[in-house]
Amino acid sequence: SLNVNTSLIANIAIGIAVNNCIHYVVHFRRNLHTGLSISDSTRESLKNVGGPILATSVVLTLAFLVFGFSSFVPISHFGLLSAFIMGADLIANIFLLPCLMLSERLWSGRA
């Protein structure tokens, strides 16, 4: 159900996910403009920003997991849900986003 905790989690998660996504896409577009192909741009972008995205997501997941040990139930739920969403964000940004960038249709102007 939607309450104060879930709305806070959504705001934090969306903010961090968008930040990681923008970080990747900026590097991807920069690589495209230097003349690399879509697949090479995807590979190079993941090499350049995969580490920072991984580090950010792992650190935040572990930090939010600490809240999961709280005896105050709303804080515990906040921490556990936030940690889960950070993990899902990591998976999406490391695996799903590069797959989307490989889509020729996305970059051909037909999308």
PDB file of N, CA and C in Angstrom:
ATOM      1  N   SER A   1       0.841  -1.183   0.000  1.00  0.00           N
ATOM      2  CA  SER A   1       0.000   0.000   0.000  1.00  0.00           C
ATOM      3  C   SER A   1       0.884   1.243   0.000  1.00  0.00           C
ATOM      4  N   LEU A   2       0.333   2.316  -0.497  1.00  0.00           N
ATOM      5  CA  LEU A   2       1.072   3.570  -0.577  1.00  0.00           C
ATOM      6  C   LEU A   2       0.970   4.307   0.750  1.00  0.00           C
ATOM      7  N   ASN A   3       2.109   4.604   1.326  1.00  0.00           N
ATOM      8  CA  ASN A   3       2.157   5.401   2.546  1.00  0.00           C
ATOM      9  C   ASN A   3       3.410   6.271   2.488  1.00  0.00           C
ATOM     10  N   VAL A   4       3.727   6.919   3.575  1.00  0.00           N
ATOM     11  CA  VAL A   4       4.874   7.828   3.590  1.00  0.00           C
ATOM     12  C   VAL A   4       6.164   7.070   3.283  1.00  0.00           C
ATOM     13  N   ASN A   5       6.325   5.891   3.878  1.00  0.00           N
ATOM     14  CA  ASN A   5       7.548   5.120   3.638  1.00  0.00           C
ATOM     15  C   ASN A   5       7.709   4.728   2.178  1.00  0.00           C
ATOM     16  N   THR A   6       6.655   4.202   1.577  1.00  0.00           N
ATOM     17  CA  THR A   6       6.781   3.755   0.191  1.00  0.00           C
ATOM     18  C   THR A   6       6.990   4.933  -0.755  1.00  0.00           C
ATOM     19  N   SER A   7       6.412   6.076  -0.438  1.00  0.00           N
ATOM     20  CA  SER A   7       6.643   7.238  -1.300  1.00  0.00           C
ATOM     21  C   SER A   7       8.081   7.737  -1.163  1.00  0.00           C
ATOM     22  N   LEU A   8       8.650   7.669   0.032  1.00  0.00           N
ATOM     23  CA  LEU A   8      10.059   8.032   0.212  1.00  0.00           C
ATOM     24  C   LEU A   8      10.967   7.073  -0.546  1.00  0.00           C
ATOM     25  N   ILE A   9      10.663   5.791  -0.445  1.00  0.00           N
ATOM     26  CA  ILE A   9      11.468   4.788  -1.137  1.00  0.00           C
ATOM     27  C   ILE A   9      11.418   5.016  -2.640  1.00  0.00           C
ATOM     28  N   ALA A  10      10.230   5.283  -3.148  1.00  0.00           N
ATOM     29  CA  ALA A  10      10.083   5.508  -4.590  1.00  0.00           C
ATOM     30  C   ALA A  10      10.906   6.711  -5.037  1.00  0.00           C
ATOM     31  N   ASN A  11      10.860   7.799  -4.280  1.00  0.00           N
ATOM     32  CA  ASN A  11      11.627   8.997  -4.652  1.00  0.00           C
ATOM     33  C   ASN A  11      13.129   8.739  -4.646  1.00  0.00           C
ATOM     34  N   ILE A  12      13.606   8.085  -3.616  1.00  0.00           N
ATOM     35  CA  ILE A  12      15.034   7.789  -3.524  1.00  0.00           C
ATOM     36  C   ILE A  12      15.454   6.850  -4.648  1.00  0.00           C
ATOM     37  N   ALA A  13      14.688   5.799  -4.846  1.00  0.00           N
ATOM     38  CA  ALA A  13      15.041   4.795  -5.854  1.00  0.00           C
ATOM     39  C   ALA A  13      15.018   5.377  -7.260  1.00  0.00           C
ATOM     40  N   ILE A  14      14.009   6.138  -7.572  1.00  0.00           N
ATOM     41  CA  ILE A  14      13.922   6.738  -8.903  1.00  0.00           C
ATOM     42  C   ILE A  14      15.079   7.711  -9.118  1.00  0.00           C
ATOM     43  N   GLY A  15      15.397   8.497  -8.115  1.00  0.00           N
ATOM     44  CA  GLY A  15      16.504   9.447  -8.235  1.00  0.00           C
ATOM     45  C   GLY A  15      17.826   8.764  -8.502  1.00  0.00           C
ATOM     46  N   ILE A  16      18.128   7.723  -7.768  1.00  0.00           N
ATOM     47  CA  ILE A  16      19.399   7.019  -7.944  1.00  0.00           C
ATOM     48  C   ILE A  16      19.413   6.249  -9.259  1.00  0.00           C
ATOM     49  N   ALA A  17      18.301   5.618  -9.606  1.00  0.00           N
ATOM     50  CA  ALA A  17      18.231   4.865 -10.866  1.00  0.00           C
ATOM     51  C   ALA A  17      18.420   5.793 -12.064  1.00  0.00           C
ATOM     52  N   VAL A  18      17.774   6.940 -12.029  1.00  0.00           N
ATOM     53  CA  VAL A  18      17.908   7.896 -13.132  1.00  0.00           C
ATOM     54  C   VAL A  18      19.340   8.423 -13.197  1.00  0.00           C
ATOM     55  N   ASN A  19      19.942   8.677 -12.060  1.00  0.00           N
ATOM     56  CA  ASN A  19      21.323   9.153 -12.033  1.00  0.00           C
ATOM     57  C   ASN A  19      22.262   8.134 -12.676  1.00  0.00           C
ATOM     58  N   ASN A  20      22.124   6.869 -12.302  1.00  0.00           N
ATOM     59  CA  ASN A  20      22.961   5.823 -12.894  1.00  0.00           C
ATOM     60  C   ASN A  20      22.703   5.681 -14.390  1.00  0.00           C
ATOM     61  N   CYS A  21      21.452   5.771 -14.774  1.00  0.00           N
ATOM     62  CA  CYS A  21      21.071   5.646 -16.185  1.00  0.00           C
ATOM     63  C   CYS A  21      21.663   6.797 -17.005  1.00  0.00           C
ATOM     64  N   ILE A  22      21.548   8.005 -16.503  1.00  0.00           N
ATOM     65  CA  ILE A  22      22.099   9.169 -17.204  1.00  0.00           C
ATOM     66  C   ILE A  22      23.617   9.039 -17.334  1.00  0.00           C
ATOM     67  N   HIS A  23      24.254   8.585 -16.278  1.00  0.00           N
ATOM     68  CA  HIS A  23      25.701   8.380 -16.299  1.00  0.00           C
ATOM     69  C   HIS A  23      26.085   7.448 -17.452  1.00  0.00           C
ATOM     70  N   TYR A  24      25.364   6.357 -17.609  1.00  0.00           N
ATOM     71  CA  TYR A  24      25.647   5.406 -18.687  1.00  0.00           C
ATOM     72  C   TYR A  24      25.345   6.008 -20.062  1.00  0.00           C
ATOM     73  N   VAL A  25      24.176   6.614 -20.207  1.00  0.00           N
ATOM     74  CA  VAL A  25      23.746   7.130 -21.512  1.00  0.00           C
ATOM     75  C   VAL A  25      24.658   8.261 -21.994  1.00  0.00           C
ATOM     76  N   VAL A  26      25.126   9.105 -21.091  1.00  0.00           N
ATOM     77  CA  VAL A  26      26.047  10.182 -21.487  1.00  0.00           C
ATOM     78  C   VAL A  26      27.330   9.588 -22.066  1.00  0.00           C
ATOM     79  N   HIS A  27      27.867   8.584 -21.400  1.00  0.00           N
ATOM     80  CA  HIS A  27      29.069   7.935 -21.930  1.00  0.00           C
ATOM     81  C   HIS A  27      28.777   7.233 -23.252  1.00  0.00           C
ATOM     82  N   PHE A  28      27.619   6.612 -23.359  1.00  0.00           N
ATOM     83  CA  PHE A  28      27.238   5.927 -24.597  1.00  0.00           C
ATOM     84  C   PHE A  28      27.172   6.908 -25.761  1.00  0.00           C
ATOM     85  N   ARG A  29      26.484   8.018 -25.566  1.00  0.00           N
ATOM     86  CA  ARG A  29      26.346   9.010 -26.645  1.00  0.00           C
ATOM     87  C   ARG A  29      27.699   9.634 -26.996  1.00  0.00           C
ATOM     88  N   ARG A  30      28.517   9.864 -25.994  1.00  0.00           N
ATOM     89  CA  ARG A  30      29.856  10.410 -26.248  1.00  0.00           C
ATOM     90  C   ARG A  30      30.662   9.436 -27.112  1.00  0.00           C
ATOM     91  N   ASN A  31      30.552   8.153 -26.814  1.00  0.00           N
ATOM     92  CA  ASN A  31      31.254   7.150 -27.622  1.00  0.00           C
ATOM     93  C   ASN A  31      30.702   7.081 -29.039  1.00  0.00           C
ATOM     94  N   LEU A  32      29.388   7.222 -29.187  1.00  0.00           N
ATOM     95  CA  LEU A  32      28.794   7.236 -30.528  1.00  0.00           C
ATOM     96  C   LEU A  32      29.316   8.419 -31.339  1.00  0.00           C
ATOM     97  N   HIS A  33      29.416   9.567 -30.703  1.00  0.00           N
ATOM     98  CA  HIS A  33      29.869  10.774 -31.406  1.00  0.00           C
ATOM     99  C   HIS A  33      31.348  10.712 -31.786  1.00  0.00           C
ATOM    100  N   THR A  34      32.107   9.854 -31.130  1.00  0.00           N
ATOM    101  CA  THR A  34      33.515   9.696 -31.513  1.00  0.00           C
ATOM    102  C   THR A  34      33.678   8.726 -32.674  1.00  0.00           C
ATOM    103  N   GLY A  35      32.567   8.154 -33.145  1.00  0.00           N
ATOM    104  CA  GLY A  35      32.623   7.287 -34.314  1.00  0.00           C
ATOM    105  C   GLY A  35      32.549   5.803 -34.029  1.00  0.00           C
ATOM    106  N   LEU A  36      32.392   5.421 -32.772  1.00  0.00           N
ATOM    107  CA  LEU A  36      32.267   3.999 -32.458  1.00  0.00           C
ATOM    108  C   LEU A  36      30.901   3.485 -32.902  1.00  0.00           C
ATOM    109  N   SER A  37      30.832   2.211 -33.197  1.00  0.00           N
ATOM    110  CA  SER A  37      29.548   1.595 -33.547  1.00  0.00           C
ATOM    111  C   SER A  37      28.688   1.481 -32.288  1.00  0.00           C
ATOM    112  N   ILE A  38      27.440   1.118 -32.482  1.00  0.00           N
ATOM    113  CA  ILE A  38      26.531   0.982 -31.339  1.00  0.00           C
ATOM    114  C   ILE A  38      27.034  -0.093 -30.386  1.00  0.00           C
ATOM    115  N   SER A  39      27.458  -1.228 -30.912  1.00  0.00           N
ATOM    116  CA  SER A  39      27.923  -2.301 -30.027  1.00  0.00           C
ATOM    117  C   SER A  39      29.228  -1.918 -29.321  1.00  0.00           C
ATOM    118  N   ASP A  40      30.132  -1.248 -30.022  1.00  0.00           N
ATOM    119  CA  ASP A  40      31.373  -0.805 -29.379  1.00  0.00           C
ATOM    120  C   ASP A  40      31.103   0.284 -28.342  1.00  0.00           C
ATOM    121  N   SER A  41      30.171   1.176 -28.643  1.00  0.00           N
ATOM    122  CA  SER A  41      29.795   2.223 -27.683  1.00  0.00           C
ATOM    123  C   SER A  41      29.191   1.610 -26.429  1.00  0.00           C
ATOM    124  N   THR A  42      28.367   0.593 -26.621  1.00  0.00           N
ATOM    125  CA  THR A  42      27.756  -0.092 -25.481  1.00  0.00           C
ATOM    126  C   THR A  42      28.828  -0.740 -24.620  1.00  0.00           C
ATOM    127  N   ARG A  43      29.744  -1.437 -25.251  1.00  0.00           N
ATOM    128  CA  ARG A  43      30.812  -2.129 -24.530  1.00  0.00           C
ATOM    129  C   ARG A  43      31.709  -1.139 -23.790  1.00  0.00           C
ATOM    130  N   GLU A  44      32.145  -0.092 -24.478  1.00  0.00           N
ATOM    131  CA  GLU A  44      33.031   0.901 -23.865  1.00  0.00           C
ATOM    132  C   GLU A  44      32.343   1.640 -22.718  1.00  0.00           C
ATOM    133  N   SER A  45      31.080   1.954 -22.902  1.00  0.00           N
ATOM    134  CA  SER A  45      30.339   2.662 -21.852  1.00  0.00           C
ATOM    135  C   SER A  45      30.223   1.802 -20.607  1.00  0.00           C
ATOM    136  N   LEU A  46      29.939   0.524 -20.808  1.00  0.00           N
ATOM    137  CA  LEU A  46      29.826  -0.375 -19.661  1.00  0.00           C
ATOM    138  C   LEU A  46      31.175  -0.547 -18.972  1.00  0.00           C
ATOM    139  N   LYS A  47      32.261  -0.575 -19.756  1.00  0.00           N
ATOM    140  CA  LYS A  47      33.595  -0.664 -19.156  1.00  0.00           C
ATOM    141  C   LYS A  47      33.900   0.575 -18.318  1.00  0.00           C
ATOM    142  N   ASN A  48      33.486   1.750 -18.819  1.00  0.00           N
ATOM    143  CA  ASN A  48      33.809   3.004 -18.134  1.00  0.00           C
ATOM    144  C   ASN A  48      32.939   3.275 -16.923  1.00  0.00           C
ATOM    145  N   VAL A  49      31.656   3.000 -17.019  1.00  0.00           N
ATOM    146  CA  VAL A  49      30.757   3.384 -15.924  1.00  0.00           C
ATOM    147  C   VAL A  49      30.196   2.199 -15.155  1.00  0.00           C
ATOM    148  N   GLY A  50      30.480   0.987 -15.594  1.00  0.00           N
ATOM    149  CA  GLY A  50      29.976  -0.187 -14.879  1.00  0.00           C
ATOM    150  C   GLY A  50      30.491  -0.253 -13.450  1.00  0.00           C
ATOM    151  N   GLY A  51      31.767   0.041 -13.276  1.00  0.00           N
ATOM    152  CA  GLY A  51      32.361   0.021 -11.936  1.00  0.00           C
ATOM    153  C   GLY A  51      31.731   1.025 -10.985  1.00  0.00           C
ATOM    154  N   PRO A  52      31.642   2.294 -11.391  1.00  0.00           N
ATOM    155  CA  PRO A  52      30.998   3.270 -10.509  1.00  0.00           C
ATOM    156  C   PRO A  52      29.524   2.956 -10.223  1.00  0.00           C
ATOM    157  N   ILE A  53      28.798   2.460 -11.221  1.00  0.00           N
ATOM    158  CA  ILE A  53      27.398   2.089 -10.987  1.00  0.00           C
ATOM    159  C   ILE A  53      27.334   0.928 -10.003  1.00  0.00           C
ATOM    160  N   LEU A  54      28.208  -0.052 -10.185  1.00  0.00           N
ATOM    161  CA  LEU A  54      28.253  -1.197  -9.280  1.00  0.00           C
ATOM    162  C   LEU A  54      28.598  -0.749  -7.862  1.00  0.00           C
ATOM    163  N   ALA A  55      29.610   0.097  -7.733  1.00  0.00           N
ATOM    164  CA  ALA A  55      30.025   0.566  -6.408  1.00  0.00           C
ATOM    165  C   ALA A  55      28.909   1.335  -5.715  1.00  0.00           C
ATOM    166  N   THR A  56      28.277   2.252  -6.435  1.00  0.00           N
ATOM    167  CA  THR A  56      27.189   3.040  -5.857  1.00  0.00           C
ATOM    168  C   THR A  56      26.057   2.147  -5.386  1.00  0.00           C
ATOM    169  N   SER A  57      25.658   1.228  -6.232  1.00  0.00           N
ATOM    170  CA  SER A  57      24.520   0.373  -5.902  1.00  0.00           C
ATOM    171  C   SER A  57      24.831  -0.567  -4.741  1.00  0.00           C
ATOM    172  N   VAL A  58      26.026  -1.147  -4.729  1.00  0.00           N
ATOM    173  CA  VAL A  58      26.384  -2.066  -3.645  1.00  0.00           C
ATOM    174  C   VAL A  58      26.475  -1.322  -2.319  1.00  0.00           C
ATOM    175  N   VAL A  59      27.132  -0.172  -2.318  1.00  0.00           N
ATOM    176  CA  VAL A  59      27.266   0.598  -1.075  1.00  0.00           C
ATOM    177  C   VAL A  59      25.896   1.019  -0.549  1.00  0.00           C
ATOM    178  N   LEU A  60      25.033   1.513  -1.433  1.00  0.00           N
ATOM    179  CA  LEU A  60      23.707   1.940  -0.985  1.00  0.00           C
ATOM    180  C   LEU A  60      22.850   0.764  -0.543  1.00  0.00           C
ATOM    181  N   THR A  61      22.959  -0.364  -1.227  1.00  0.00           N
ATOM    182  CA  THR A  61      22.209  -1.551  -0.813  1.00  0.00           C
ATOM    183  C   THR A  61      22.628  -1.970   0.588  1.00  0.00           C
ATOM    184  N   LEU A  62      23.926  -2.032   0.833  1.00  0.00           N
ATOM    185  CA  LEU A  62      24.407  -2.413   2.161  1.00  0.00           C
ATOM    186  C   LEU A  62      24.025  -1.379   3.216  1.00  0.00           C
ATOM    187  N   ALA A  63      24.086  -0.109   2.856  1.00  0.00           N
ATOM    188  CA  ALA A  63      23.710   0.940   3.809  1.00  0.00           C
ATOM    189  C   ALA A  63      22.231   0.843   4.175  1.00  0.00           C
ATOM    190  N   PHE A  64      21.381   0.609   3.184  1.00  0.00           N
ATOM    191  CA  PHE A  64      19.958   0.487   3.477  1.00  0.00           C
ATOM    192  C   PHE A  64      19.652  -0.798   4.237  1.00  0.00           C
ATOM    193  N   LEU A  65      20.437  -1.850   4.021  1.00  0.00           N
ATOM    194  CA  LEU A  65      20.218  -3.091   4.765  1.00  0.00           C
ATOM    195  C   LEU A  65      20.432  -2.893   6.262  1.00  0.00           C
ATOM    196  N   VAL A  66      21.297  -1.962   6.633  1.00  0.00           N
ATOM    197  CA  VAL A  66      21.522  -1.674   8.052  1.00  0.00           C
ATOM    198  C   VAL A  66      20.218  -1.233   8.716  1.00  0.00           C
ATOM    199  N   PHE A  67      19.414  -0.435   7.987  1.00  0.00           N
ATOM    200  CA  PHE A  67      18.123  -0.010   8.532  1.00  0.00           C
ATOM    201  C   PHE A  67      17.194  -1.195   8.757  1.00  0.00           C
ATOM    202  N   GLY A  68      17.397  -2.271   8.022  1.00  0.00           N
ATOM    203  CA  GLY A  68      16.563  -3.459   8.171  1.00  0.00           C
ATOM    204  C   GLY A  68      16.668  -4.089   9.544  1.00  0.00           C
ATOM    205  N   PHE A  69      17.737  -3.812  10.269  1.00  0.00           N
ATOM    206  CA  PHE A  69      17.918  -4.367  11.609  1.00  0.00           C
ATOM    207  C   PHE A  69      17.267  -3.521  12.702  1.00  0.00           C
ATOM    208  N   SER A  70      16.629  -2.439  12.318  1.00  0.00           N
ATOM    209  CA  SER A  70      15.986  -1.562  13.292  1.00  0.00           C
ATOM    210  C   SER A  70      14.804  -2.269  13.947  1.00  0.00           C
ATOM    211  N   SER A  71      14.601  -1.986  15.222  1.00  0.00           N
ATOM    212  CA  SER A  71      13.442  -2.560  15.913  1.00  0.00           C
ATOM    213  C   SER A  71      12.175  -1.755  15.630  1.00  0.00           C
ATOM    214  N   PHE A  72      12.335  -0.567  15.055  1.00  0.00           N
ATOM    215  CA  PHE A  72      11.190   0.262  14.679  1.00  0.00           C
ATOM    216  C   PHE A  72      10.738  -0.200  13.293  1.00  0.00           C
ATOM    217  N   VAL A  73       9.564  -0.805  13.224  1.00  0.00           N
ATOM    218  CA  VAL A  73       9.099  -1.495  12.019  1.00  0.00           C
ATOM    219  C   VAL A  73       9.090  -0.611  10.769  1.00  0.00           C
ATOM    220  N   PRO A  74       8.592   0.638  10.817  1.00  0.00           N
ATOM    221  CA  PRO A  74       8.619   1.437   9.585  1.00  0.00           C
ATOM    222  C   PRO A  74      10.036   1.674   9.046  1.00  0.00           C
ATOM    223  N   ILE A  75      10.984   1.889   9.933  1.00  0.00           N
ATOM    224  CA  ILE A  75      12.372   2.086   9.500  1.00  0.00           C
ATOM    225  C   ILE A  75      12.936   0.788   8.928  1.00  0.00           C
ATOM    226  N   SER A  76      12.614  -0.326   9.558  1.00  0.00           N
ATOM    227  CA  SER A  76      13.059  -1.625   9.070  1.00  0.00           C
ATOM    228  C   SER A  76      12.518  -1.904   7.672  1.00  0.00           C
ATOM    229  N   HIS A  77      11.234  -1.660   7.470  1.00  0.00           N
ATOM    230  CA  HIS A  77      10.629  -1.862   6.146  1.00  0.00           C
ATOM    231  C   HIS A  77      11.250  -0.924   5.118  1.00  0.00           C
ATOM    232  N   PHE A  78      11.462   0.315   5.524  1.00  0.00           N
ATOM    233  CA  PHE A  78      12.092   1.291   4.632  1.00  0.00           C
ATOM    234  C   PHE A  78      13.453   0.784   4.162  1.00  0.00           C
ATOM    235  N   GLY A  79      14.263   0.320   5.097  1.00  0.00           N
ATOM    236  CA  GLY A  79      15.598  -0.159   4.758  1.00  0.00           C
ATOM    237  C   GLY A  79      15.584  -1.379   3.864  1.00  0.00           C
ATOM    238  N   LEU A  80      14.732  -2.343   4.187  1.00  0.00           N
ATOM    239  CA  LEU A  80      14.680  -3.573   3.393  1.00  0.00           C
ATOM    240  C   LEU A  80      14.154  -3.320   1.984  1.00  0.00           C
ATOM    241  N   LEU A  81      13.100  -2.531   1.875  1.00  0.00           N
ATOM    242  CA  LEU A  81      12.560  -2.229   0.548  1.00  0.00           C
ATOM    243  C   LEU A  81      13.538  -1.400  -0.276  1.00  0.00           C
ATOM    244  N   SER A  82      14.193  -0.450   0.367  1.00  0.00           N
ATOM    245  CA  SER A  82      15.182   0.367  -0.346  1.00  0.00           C
ATOM    246  C   SER A  82      16.339  -0.491  -0.840  1.00  0.00           C
ATOM    247  N   ALA A  83      16.807  -1.398   0.001  1.00  0.00           N
ATOM    248  CA  ALA A  83      17.904  -2.282  -0.401  1.00  0.00           C
ATOM    249  C   ALA A  83      17.489  -3.154  -1.577  1.00  0.00           C
ATOM    250  N   PHE A  84      16.277  -3.673  -1.536  1.00  0.00           N
ATOM    251  CA  PHE A  84      15.782  -4.499  -2.640  1.00  0.00           C
ATOM    252  C   PHE A  84      15.729  -3.695  -3.937  1.00  0.00           C
ATOM    253  N   ILE A  85      15.231  -2.474  -3.845  1.00  0.00           N
ATOM    254  CA  ILE A  85      15.111  -1.642  -5.042  1.00  0.00           C
ATOM    255  C   ILE A  85      16.487  -1.255  -5.574  1.00  0.00           C
ATOM    256  N   MET A  86      17.445  -0.997  -4.695  1.00  0.00           N
ATOM    257  CA  MET A  86      18.804  -0.693  -5.153  1.00  0.00           C
ATOM    258  C   MET A  86      19.404  -1.891  -5.889  1.00  0.00           C
ATOM    259  N   GLY A  87      19.135  -3.092  -5.395  1.00  0.00           N
ATOM    260  CA  GLY A  87      19.601  -4.295  -6.085  1.00  0.00           C
ATOM    261  C   GLY A  87      18.957  -4.442  -7.455  1.00  0.00           C
ATOM    262  N   ALA A  88      17.661  -4.191  -7.528  1.00  0.00           N
ATOM    263  CA  ALA A  88      16.956  -4.263  -8.812  1.00  0.00           C
ATOM    264  C   ALA A  88      17.472  -3.190  -9.768  1.00  0.00           C
ATOM    265  N   ASP A  89      17.763  -2.022  -9.238  1.00  0.00           N
ATOM    266  CA  ASP A  89      18.325  -0.938 -10.048  1.00  0.00           C
ATOM    267  C   ASP A  89      19.679  -1.342 -10.621  1.00  0.00           C
ATOM    268  N   LEU A  90      20.490  -1.983  -9.817  1.00  0.00           N
ATOM    269  CA  LEU A  90      21.798  -2.445 -10.285  1.00  0.00           C
ATOM    270  C   LEU A  90      21.640  -3.427 -11.442  1.00  0.00           C
ATOM    271  N   ILE A  91      20.756  -4.385 -11.284  1.00  0.00           N
ATOM    272  CA  ILE A  91      20.530  -5.376 -12.340  1.00  0.00           C
ATOM    273  C   ILE A  91      20.037  -4.698 -13.617  1.00  0.00           C
ATOM    274  N   ALA A  92      19.119  -3.765 -13.467  1.00  0.00           N
ATOM    275  CA  ALA A  92      18.579  -3.074 -14.644  1.00  0.00           C
ATOM    276  C   ALA A  92      19.650  -2.251 -15.349  1.00  0.00           C
ATOM    277  N   ASN A  93      20.468  -1.539 -14.588  1.00  0.00           N
ATOM    278  CA  ASN A  93      21.474  -0.673 -15.209  1.00  0.00           C
ATOM    279  C   ASN A  93      22.672  -1.433 -15.771  1.00  0.00           C
ATOM    280  N   ILE A  94      22.980  -2.587 -15.231  1.00  0.00           N
ATOM    281  CA  ILE A  94      24.124  -3.348 -15.725  1.00  0.00           C
ATOM    282  C   ILE A  94      23.732  -4.290 -16.866  1.00  0.00           C
ATOM    283  N   PHE A  95      22.514  -4.833 -16.821  1.00  0.00           N
ATOM    284  CA  PHE A  95      22.116  -5.815 -17.834  1.00  0.00           C
ATOM    285  C   PHE A  95      21.076  -5.288 -18.823  1.00  0.00           C
ATOM    286  N   LEU A  96      20.024  -4.680 -18.323  1.00  0.00           N
ATOM    287  CA  LEU A  96      18.926  -4.266 -19.197  1.00  0.00           C
ATOM    288  C   LEU A  96      19.280  -3.036 -20.035  1.00  0.00           C
ATOM    289  N   LEU A  97      19.854  -2.026 -19.418  1.00  0.00           N
ATOM    290  CA  LEU A  97      20.170  -0.791 -20.142  1.00  0.00           C
ATOM    291  C   LEU A  97      21.123  -1.022 -21.322  1.00  0.00           C
ATOM    292  N   PRO A  98      22.216  -1.772 -21.155  1.00  0.00           N
ATOM    293  CA  PRO A  98      23.063  -2.035 -22.327  1.00  0.00           C
ATOM    294  C   PRO A  98      22.328  -2.795 -23.433  1.00  0.00           C
ATOM    295  N   CYS A  99      21.445  -3.708 -23.060  1.00  0.00           N
ATOM    296  CA  CYS A  99      20.656  -4.424 -24.078  1.00  0.00           C
ATOM    297  C   CYS A  99      19.753  -3.460 -24.834  1.00  0.00           C
ATOM    298  N   LEU A 100      19.175  -2.516 -24.124  1.00  0.00           N
ATOM    299  CA  LEU A 100      18.334  -1.520 -24.791  1.00  0.00           C
ATOM    300  C   LEU A 100      19.158  -0.629 -25.713  1.00  0.00           C
ATOM    301  N   MET A 101      20.354  -0.291 -25.299  1.00  0.00           N
ATOM    302  CA  MET A 101      21.208   0.557 -26.121  1.00  0.00           C
ATOM    303  C   MET A 101      21.646  -0.155 -27.398  1.00  0.00           C
ATOM    304  N   LEU A 102      21.697  -1.477 -27.377  1.00  0.00           N
ATOM    305  CA  LEU A 102      22.084  -2.243 -28.564  1.00  0.00           C
ATOM    306  C   LEU A 102      20.995  -2.280 -29.629  1.00  0.00           C
ATOM    307  N   SER A 103      19.806  -1.834 -29.282  1.00  0.00           N
ATOM    308  CA  SER A 103      18.696  -1.862 -30.224  1.00  0.00           C
ATOM    309  C   SER A 103      18.945  -0.870 -31.357  1.00  0.00           C
ATOM    310  N   GLU A 104      19.105  -1.388 -32.554  1.00  0.00           N
ATOM    311  CA  GLU A 104      19.320  -0.531 -33.727  1.00  0.00           C
ATOM    312  C   GLU A 104      18.123   0.388 -33.943  1.00  0.00           C
ATOM    313  N   ARG A 105      16.940  -0.128 -33.662  1.00  0.00           N
ATOM    314  CA  ARG A 105      15.716   0.641 -33.883  1.00  0.00           C
ATOM    315  C   ARG A 105      15.693   1.910 -33.029  1.00  0.00           C
ATOM    316  N   LEU A 106      16.251   1.828 -31.835  1.00  0.00           N
ATOM    317  CA  LEU A 106      16.281   2.971 -30.929  1.00  0.00           C
ATOM    318  C   LEU A 106      17.078   4.127 -31.526  1.00  0.00           C
ATOM    319  N   TRP A 107      18.126   3.815 -32.256  1.00  0.00           N
ATOM    320  CA  TRP A 107      19.024   4.846 -32.771  1.00  0.00           C
ATOM    321  C   TRP A 107      18.809   5.165 -34.241  1.00  0.00           C
ATOM    322  N   SER A 108      17.872   4.482 -34.889  1.00  0.00           N
ATOM    323  CA  SER A 108      17.651   4.732 -36.316  1.00  0.00           C
ATOM    324  C   SER A 108      16.603   5.802 -36.571  1.00  0.00           C
ATOM    325  N   GLY A 109      15.974   6.324 -35.531  1.00  0.00           N
ATOM    326  CA  GLY A 109      14.969   7.370 -35.693  1.00  0.00           C
ATOM    327  C   GLY A 109      13.563   6.845 -35.877  1.00  0.00           C
ATOM    328  N   ARG A 110      13.375   5.524 -35.873  1.00  0.00           N
ATOM    329  CA  ARG A 110      12.041   4.948 -36.034  1.00  0.00           C
ATOM    330  C   ARG A 110      11.331   4.754 -34.711  1.00  0.00           C
ATOM    331  N   ALA A 111      12.029   4.837 -33.605  1.00  0.00           N
ATOM    332  CA  ALA A 111      11.411   4.578 -32.306  1.00  0.00           C
ATOM    333  C   ALA A 111      10.599   5.763 -31.843  1.00  0.00           C
TER     334      ALA A 111
END
